[in-house]
Amino acid sequence: LAPVAPVLADADQLIAVVDGPLTSLPLSLLVTEEPTGSDADPFALRDTAWLLRRHAMTVLPNVSSLRSLRQEVRSTAPRRPFVGFGDPIFEGVTLTATRGGETLASVSDLAPLPNTATELRRLARLTGQDPATSVFLGARATESAVKAADLSDVQIVAFATHGLLTGELAAVDEPALAFTPEFSGDQDALLTASEAAALKLSADLVILSACNTAASDGTPGAEGLSGLARAFIYAGARSILVSHWPVDDFATVQLTTGMVADIQDGRARAGALRRAMLSLMQDHPQAAYAHPRFWAPFILVGDGSGGV
């Protein structure tokens, strides 16, 4: 970025459309000076000149999407601040889901995610909501519950569960979010990208608090952000928080709750994510969280300029 550094110097936020290998790299990991010290030294990592230190960042699927996101007319009617789905039940479930007549790997192989319940309850309280009415956990965190919920008037929608890559379960040919299996109906416990695109949203922010949710749709030659991120934009979200790799449970809670707390205080979405990442990297008592595998997986896709 050195050739254009003078142009970027005073920018609070960078908006990027990336291609090729850069679609798999959080831009916050770029460095503006030659690093020193060992990568195994958390204090050297804290001293590294990450691009994140200079700018908040937002990624777009394409150039034209920013105009459409900002020009979209939003209802002036009062909106609900938050709805969340998470902590699905996998352990002890013997049901195997089916799709197109083929049997999938059992969702019981997925690890439980008990901390997602804590995360969603905190997010609800940060937005002034009662978790008992705004958060769907455990047996209530089903695919059919997501599809049946009226999310058209919700400002922040959060999904805290497993994110699955294309092909991670047999016969699943697109990225998906996993939910509690149901023993009736035709739901397979997986909200796929195409199903997510059919949701009716007007959210300022959708949080996909799961692993690998920034991945492509898996088709040959597919561009980045062609999977879940693009699906939720198509469904009506103004911005989406997605991840580039398997995320750490504790770090994820710190990042999502820190971001939403700042948004509630009036900070723009991209700036709120930046502050949450810097806080985890720089200020946490456990210096190990200075490693970018903890603070860098999430990116904001869409319009990062506003709050809620």
Protein backbone atom coordinates (compact mmCIF):
# COMPACT_ATOMS: atom_id res chain seq x y z
CA LEU A 1 0.00 0.00 0.00
CA ALA A 2 3.02 2.30 0.17
CA PRO A 3 2.42 3.95 -3.25
CA VAL A 4 -1.02 5.16 -2.17
CA ALA A 5 -0.28 5.70 1.52
CA PRO A 6 -0.55 9.52 1.24
CA VAL A 7 -4.06 9.17 -0.21
CA LEU A 8 -5.15 6.79 2.54
CA ALA A 9 -3.46 8.59 5.42
CA ASP A 10 -6.53 10.40 6.77
CA ALA A 11 -9.09 7.72 5.95
CA ASP A 12 -10.96 6.28 8.91
CA GLN A 13 -12.30 3.38 6.84
CA LEU A 14 -11.03 1.48 3.81
CA ILE A 15 -13.57 -0.17 1.51
CA ALA A 16 -12.10 -2.93 -0.64
CA VAL A 17 -13.19 -5.18 -3.47
CA VAL A 18 -10.68 -8.03 -3.59
CA ASP A 19 -10.03 -10.87 -5.99
CA GLY A 20 -7.96 -14.04 -6.21
CA PRO A 21 -6.02 -15.14 -3.10
CA LEU A 22 -6.88 -11.90 -1.30
CA THR A 23 -10.47 -13.15 -0.97
CA SER A 24 -9.13 -15.58 1.67
CA LEU A 25 -7.12 -13.01 3.63
CA PRO A 26 -8.47 -10.52 6.17
CA LEU A 27 -6.99 -7.20 5.07
CA SER A 28 -6.39 -6.28 8.70
CA LEU A 29 -3.42 -8.70 8.56
CA LEU A 30 -1.48 -6.58 6.07
CA VAL A 31 1.45 -4.75 7.65
CA THR A 32 2.58 -1.19 7.01
CA GLU A 33 6.13 -1.65 8.34
CA GLU A 34 8.63 -4.48 8.38
CA PRO A 35 7.81 -6.68 11.43
CA THR A 36 10.47 -7.43 14.01
CA GLY A 37 10.78 -10.17 16.61
CA SER A 38 9.44 -13.70 16.63
CA ASP A 39 5.97 -14.66 15.48
CA ALA A 40 5.80 -16.79 18.62
CA ASP A 41 6.34 -13.72 20.83
CA PRO A 42 2.96 -12.15 21.68
CA PHE A 43 4.60 -8.86 22.61
CA ALA A 44 6.30 -8.69 19.22
CA LEU A 45 2.90 -9.33 17.66
CA ARG A 46 1.43 -6.51 19.72
CA ASP A 47 4.13 -4.21 18.37
CA THR A 48 3.53 -5.18 14.74
CA ALA A 49 2.24 -2.42 12.45
CA TRP A 50 -0.93 -4.17 11.33
CA LEU A 51 -3.03 -2.21 8.84
CA LEU A 52 -5.84 -2.49 11.38
CA ARG A 53 -4.05 0.07 13.53
CA ARG A 54 -4.58 2.73 10.86
CA HIS A 55 -7.96 1.95 9.36
CA ALA A 56 -11.28 0.23 9.90
CA MET A 57 -12.02 -2.03 6.93
CA THR A 58 -15.03 -3.24 4.99
CA VAL A 59 -15.12 -5.68 2.07
CA LEU A 60 -17.63 -5.62 -0.79
CA PRO A 61 -18.57 -8.45 -3.17
CA ASN A 62 -18.40 -5.92 -6.03
CA VAL A 63 -18.15 -2.17 -6.56
CA SER A 64 -21.81 -1.59 -7.39
CA SER A 65 -23.06 -3.26 -4.21
CA LEU A 66 -22.13 -0.29 -1.99
CA ARG A 67 -24.40 2.06 -3.92
CA SER A 68 -27.32 -0.35 -3.75
CA LEU A 69 -26.79 -0.96 -0.02
CA ARG A 70 -26.72 2.75 0.77
CA GLN A 71 -29.59 3.70 -1.52
CA GLU A 72 -31.94 1.00 -0.25
CA VAL A 73 -34.94 2.59 1.41
CA ARG A 74 -35.52 1.38 4.97
CA SER A 75 -38.83 1.54 6.75
CA THR A 76 -39.19 4.35 9.28
CA ALA A 77 -41.39 2.15 11.49
CA PRO A 78 -39.93 1.09 14.87
CA ARG A 79 -37.76 -1.99 14.60
CA ARG A 80 -36.82 -4.69 17.09
CA PRO A 81 -33.17 -4.36 18.13
CA PHE A 82 -32.07 -7.99 18.21
CA VAL A 83 -32.90 -11.65 17.54
CA GLY A 84 -30.40 -14.50 17.94
CA PHE A 85 -30.24 -18.25 17.25
CA GLY A 86 -27.60 -20.57 18.72
CA ASP A 87 -26.35 -23.26 21.08
CA PRO A 88 -27.98 -26.03 18.99
CA ILE A 89 -28.23 -29.54 20.43
CA PHE A 90 -26.06 -32.09 18.63
CA GLU A 91 -24.82 -34.41 21.38
CA GLY A 92 -26.88 -37.57 21.66
CA VAL A 93 -28.83 -36.84 18.48
CA THR A 94 -28.86 -39.91 16.24
CA LEU A 95 -30.91 -38.40 13.45
CA THR A 96 -29.15 -38.20 10.10
CA ALA A 97 -30.35 -35.52 7.76
CA THR A 98 -31.13 -36.28 4.13
CA ARG A 99 -30.99 -34.14 1.03
CA GLY A 100 -31.88 -35.25 -2.46
CA GLY A 101 -32.28 -38.86 -1.32
CA GLU A 102 -28.68 -39.07 -0.04
CA THR A 103 -27.84 -39.60 3.63
CA LEU A 104 -25.60 -37.00 5.21
CA ALA A 105 -23.10 -37.51 7.97
CA SER A 106 -24.86 -37.37 11.31
CA VAL A 107 -25.02 -33.91 12.81
CA SER A 108 -24.33 -35.61 16.14
CA ASP A 109 -20.67 -35.55 15.07
CA LEU A 110 -20.64 -31.77 15.50
CA ALA A 111 -19.23 -30.48 18.79
CA PRO A 112 -21.55 -28.71 21.24
CA LEU A 113 -21.23 -24.93 21.51
CA PRO A 114 -22.36 -23.99 25.04
CA ASN A 115 -20.62 -20.59 25.04
CA THR A 116 -22.80 -19.45 22.15
CA ALA A 117 -25.70 -19.22 24.59
CA THR A 118 -23.70 -16.83 26.77
CA GLU A 119 -22.72 -14.82 23.70
CA LEU A 120 -26.28 -14.42 22.43
CA ARG A 121 -27.66 -13.52 25.86
CA ARG A 122 -25.00 -10.82 26.21
CA LEU A 123 -25.80 -9.47 22.76
CA ALA A 124 -29.50 -9.35 23.65
CA ARG A 125 -28.85 -7.43 26.86
CA LEU A 126 -26.47 -5.01 25.09
CA THR A 127 -29.32 -4.11 22.75
CA GLY A 128 -31.79 -3.75 25.60
CA GLN A 129 -33.64 -6.99 24.89
CA ASP A 130 -34.85 -9.78 27.17
CA PRO A 131 -32.94 -12.96 26.17
CA ALA A 132 -35.99 -15.05 27.07
CA THR A 133 -37.96 -13.58 24.19
CA SER A 134 -35.26 -12.56 21.68
CA VAL A 135 -32.90 -15.57 21.76
CA PHE A 136 -33.65 -19.07 20.42
CA LEU A 137 -31.42 -21.66 22.11
CA GLY A 138 -31.10 -25.44 22.27
CA ALA A 139 -34.24 -27.23 21.15
CA ARG A 140 -35.65 -23.90 19.89
CA ALA A 141 -32.65 -23.23 17.64
CA THR A 142 -33.94 -25.11 14.61
CA GLU A 143 -33.86 -24.49 10.89
CA SER A 144 -37.65 -24.22 10.79
CA ALA A 145 -37.59 -21.66 13.63
CA VAL A 146 -35.27 -19.46 11.56
CA LYS A 147 -37.45 -19.77 8.48
CA ALA A 148 -40.66 -19.15 10.43
CA ALA A 149 -39.39 -16.12 12.35
CA ASP A 150 -40.39 -12.67 11.14
CA LEU A 151 -36.98 -11.03 10.84
CA SER A 152 -38.07 -8.26 8.50
CA ASP A 153 -38.05 -5.61 11.25
CA VAL A 154 -34.95 -6.65 13.22
CA GLN A 155 -31.84 -4.43 13.35
CA ILE A 156 -29.28 -7.06 14.40
CA VAL A 157 -29.70 -10.78 13.67
CA ALA A 158 -27.12 -13.20 15.08
CA PHE A 159 -26.46 -16.87 14.33
CA ALA A 160 -24.02 -18.55 16.74
CA THR A 161 -23.49 -22.11 15.55
CA HIS A 162 -21.32 -24.25 13.28
CA GLY A 163 -20.59 -22.94 9.80
CA LEU A 164 -20.05 -25.72 7.25
CA LEU A 165 -18.02 -25.50 4.08
CA THR A 166 -19.23 -26.96 0.82
CA GLY A 167 -18.67 -30.71 0.96
CA GLU A 168 -17.90 -30.76 4.68
CA LEU A 169 -20.90 -33.04 5.08
CA ALA A 170 -21.62 -35.53 2.32
CA ALA A 171 -24.15 -34.39 -0.28
CA VAL A 172 -24.12 -30.75 0.90
CA ASP A 173 -23.10 -28.79 -2.14
CA GLU A 174 -23.12 -25.26 -0.68
CA PRO A 175 -22.10 -23.53 2.57
CA ALA A 176 -24.54 -23.86 5.45
CA LEU A 177 -25.26 -23.10 9.10
CA ALA A 178 -26.10 -26.05 11.37
CA PHE A 179 -29.07 -26.11 13.77
CA THR A 180 -30.79 -28.50 16.16
CA PRO A 181 -32.23 -31.46 14.20
CA GLU A 182 -35.99 -31.88 14.13
CA PHE A 183 -37.72 -35.22 14.17
CA SER A 184 -40.62 -34.20 11.98
CA GLY A 185 -41.07 -32.29 8.77
CA ASP A 186 -38.65 -32.03 5.88
CA GLN A 187 -35.97 -29.81 7.48
CA ASP A 188 -32.41 -31.18 7.41
CA ALA A 189 -31.01 -28.97 10.24
CA LEU A 190 -28.89 -27.04 7.71
CA LEU A 191 -29.66 -23.52 6.56
CA THR A 192 -27.85 -23.43 3.24
CA ALA A 193 -26.70 -20.30 1.42
CA SER A 194 -29.57 -20.55 -1.06
CA GLU A 195 -32.08 -20.91 1.78
CA ALA A 196 -30.52 -17.94 3.60
CA ALA A 197 -30.93 -15.84 0.46
CA ALA A 198 -34.68 -16.50 0.61
CA LEU A 199 -35.04 -14.96 4.09
CA LYS A 200 -36.71 -11.54 4.34
CA LEU A 201 -34.38 -9.20 6.20
CA SER A 202 -33.86 -5.50 6.74
CA ALA A 203 -31.02 -5.91 9.24
CA ASP A 204 -28.30 -3.33 9.60
CA LEU A 205 -26.05 -6.17 10.77
CA VAL A 206 -26.14 -9.95 10.52
CA ILE A 207 -23.61 -11.71 12.75
CA LEU A 208 -22.50 -15.15 11.56
CA SER A 209 -20.63 -16.20 14.70
CA ALA A 210 -19.30 -19.43 13.25
CA CYS A 211 -16.30 -20.88 11.44
CA ASN A 212 -15.47 -20.25 7.78
CA THR A 213 -18.57 -18.19 6.99
CA ALA A 214 -16.65 -15.98 4.52
CA ALA A 215 -15.95 -18.98 2.26
CA SER A 216 -17.05 -19.13 -1.35
CA ASP A 217 -19.94 -21.27 -2.52
CA GLY A 218 -17.49 -24.01 -3.53
CA THR A 219 -18.20 -24.06 -7.26
CA PRO A 220 -15.14 -24.24 -9.55
CA GLY A 221 -13.70 -20.77 -10.04
CA ALA A 222 -16.11 -19.20 -7.55
CA GLU A 223 -15.11 -15.79 -6.28
CA GLY A 224 -14.80 -15.03 -2.60
CA LEU A 225 -17.86 -14.04 -0.60
CA SER A 226 -20.06 -15.97 -3.03
CA GLY A 227 -21.49 -18.16 -0.27
CA LEU A 228 -23.23 -17.19 2.98
CA ALA A 229 -22.06 -13.55 2.94
CA ARG A 230 -23.58 -12.83 -0.46
CA ALA A 231 -26.70 -14.82 0.44
CA PHE A 232 -27.46 -12.63 3.45
CA ILE A 233 -26.85 -9.44 1.45
CA TYR A 234 -29.31 -10.75 -1.12
CA ALA A 235 -31.79 -11.43 1.70
CA GLY A 236 -31.68 -7.76 2.69
CA ALA A 237 -28.86 -7.34 5.23
CA ARG A 238 -26.87 -4.12 5.02
CA SER A 239 -23.73 -5.67 6.52
CA ILE A 240 -22.58 -9.13 7.59
CA LEU A 241 -19.89 -10.21 10.03
CA VAL A 242 -18.24 -13.38 8.69
CA SER A 243 -15.10 -15.40 9.43
CA HIS A 244 -12.20 -16.64 7.32
CA TRP A 245 -11.18 -19.64 9.45
CA PRO A 246 -12.18 -21.71 12.52
CA VAL A 247 -12.72 -19.24 15.34
CA ASP A 248 -11.76 -19.40 19.00
CA ASP A 249 -14.80 -19.59 21.28
CA PHE A 250 -13.67 -17.04 23.88
CA ALA A 251 -12.22 -14.61 21.34
CA THR A 252 -15.41 -14.70 19.30
CA VAL A 253 -17.52 -13.67 22.30
CA GLN A 254 -15.15 -10.78 23.01
CA LEU A 255 -15.24 -9.59 19.40
CA THR A 256 -18.98 -9.78 18.81
CA THR A 257 -20.05 -8.33 22.15
CA GLY A 258 -17.37 -5.62 22.00
CA MET A 259 -18.49 -4.65 18.50
CA VAL A 260 -22.19 -4.49 19.38
CA ALA A 261 -21.50 -2.52 22.58
CA ASP A 262 -19.70 0.13 20.51
CA ILE A 263 -22.47 0.17 17.92
CA GLN A 264 -25.00 0.81 20.67
CA ASP A 265 -22.84 3.76 21.73
CA GLY A 266 -23.16 5.24 18.23
CA ARG A 267 -19.96 4.05 16.55
CA ALA A 268 -20.06 2.98 12.91
CA ARG A 269 -20.06 -0.77 12.34
CA ALA A 270 -16.59 -0.99 10.76
CA GLY A 271 -15.07 1.19 13.47
CA ALA A 272 -16.76 -0.86 16.17
CA LEU A 273 -15.25 -4.09 14.82
CA ARG A 274 -11.83 -2.45 14.62
CA ARG A 275 -11.98 -1.33 18.26
CA ALA A 276 -13.04 -4.80 19.40
CA MET A 277 -10.17 -6.41 17.51
CA LEU A 278 -7.60 -3.92 18.83
CA SER A 279 -8.87 -4.41 22.38
CA LEU A 280 -8.47 -8.18 22.19
CA MET A 281 -5.05 -7.91 20.57
CA GLN A 282 -3.59 -5.13 22.67
CA ASP A 283 -5.34 -5.00 26.02
CA HIS A 284 -6.36 -8.49 27.07
CA PRO A 285 -4.50 -9.72 30.19
CA GLN A 286 -3.59 -12.92 28.35
CA ALA A 287 -1.00 -11.76 25.83
CA ALA A 288 -1.57 -14.91 23.75
CA TYR A 289 -4.62 -13.21 22.26
CA ALA A 290 -2.24 -10.90 20.39
CA HIS A 291 -1.89 -13.68 17.81
CA PRO A 292 -3.98 -12.87 14.73
CA ARG A 293 -5.58 -16.30 14.69
CA PHE A 294 -7.67 -15.00 17.60
CA TRP A 295 -8.45 -11.39 16.62
CA ALA A 296 -8.26 -11.40 12.82
CA PRO A 297 -10.67 -14.03 11.42
CA PHE A 298 -13.73 -11.79 11.16
CA ILE A 299 -14.38 -9.29 8.39
CA LEU A 300 -17.29 -6.96 7.80
CA VAL A 301 -18.95 -7.36 4.42
CA GLY A 302 -21.25 -4.66 3.07
CA ASP A 303 -21.83 -1.14 4.36
CA GLY A 304 -19.74 -0.47 7.44
CA SER A 305 -20.50 3.24 7.73
CA GLY A 306 -23.55 3.29 10.00
CA GLY A 307 -24.57 2.00 13.38
CA VAL A 308 -28.10 0.66 13.90
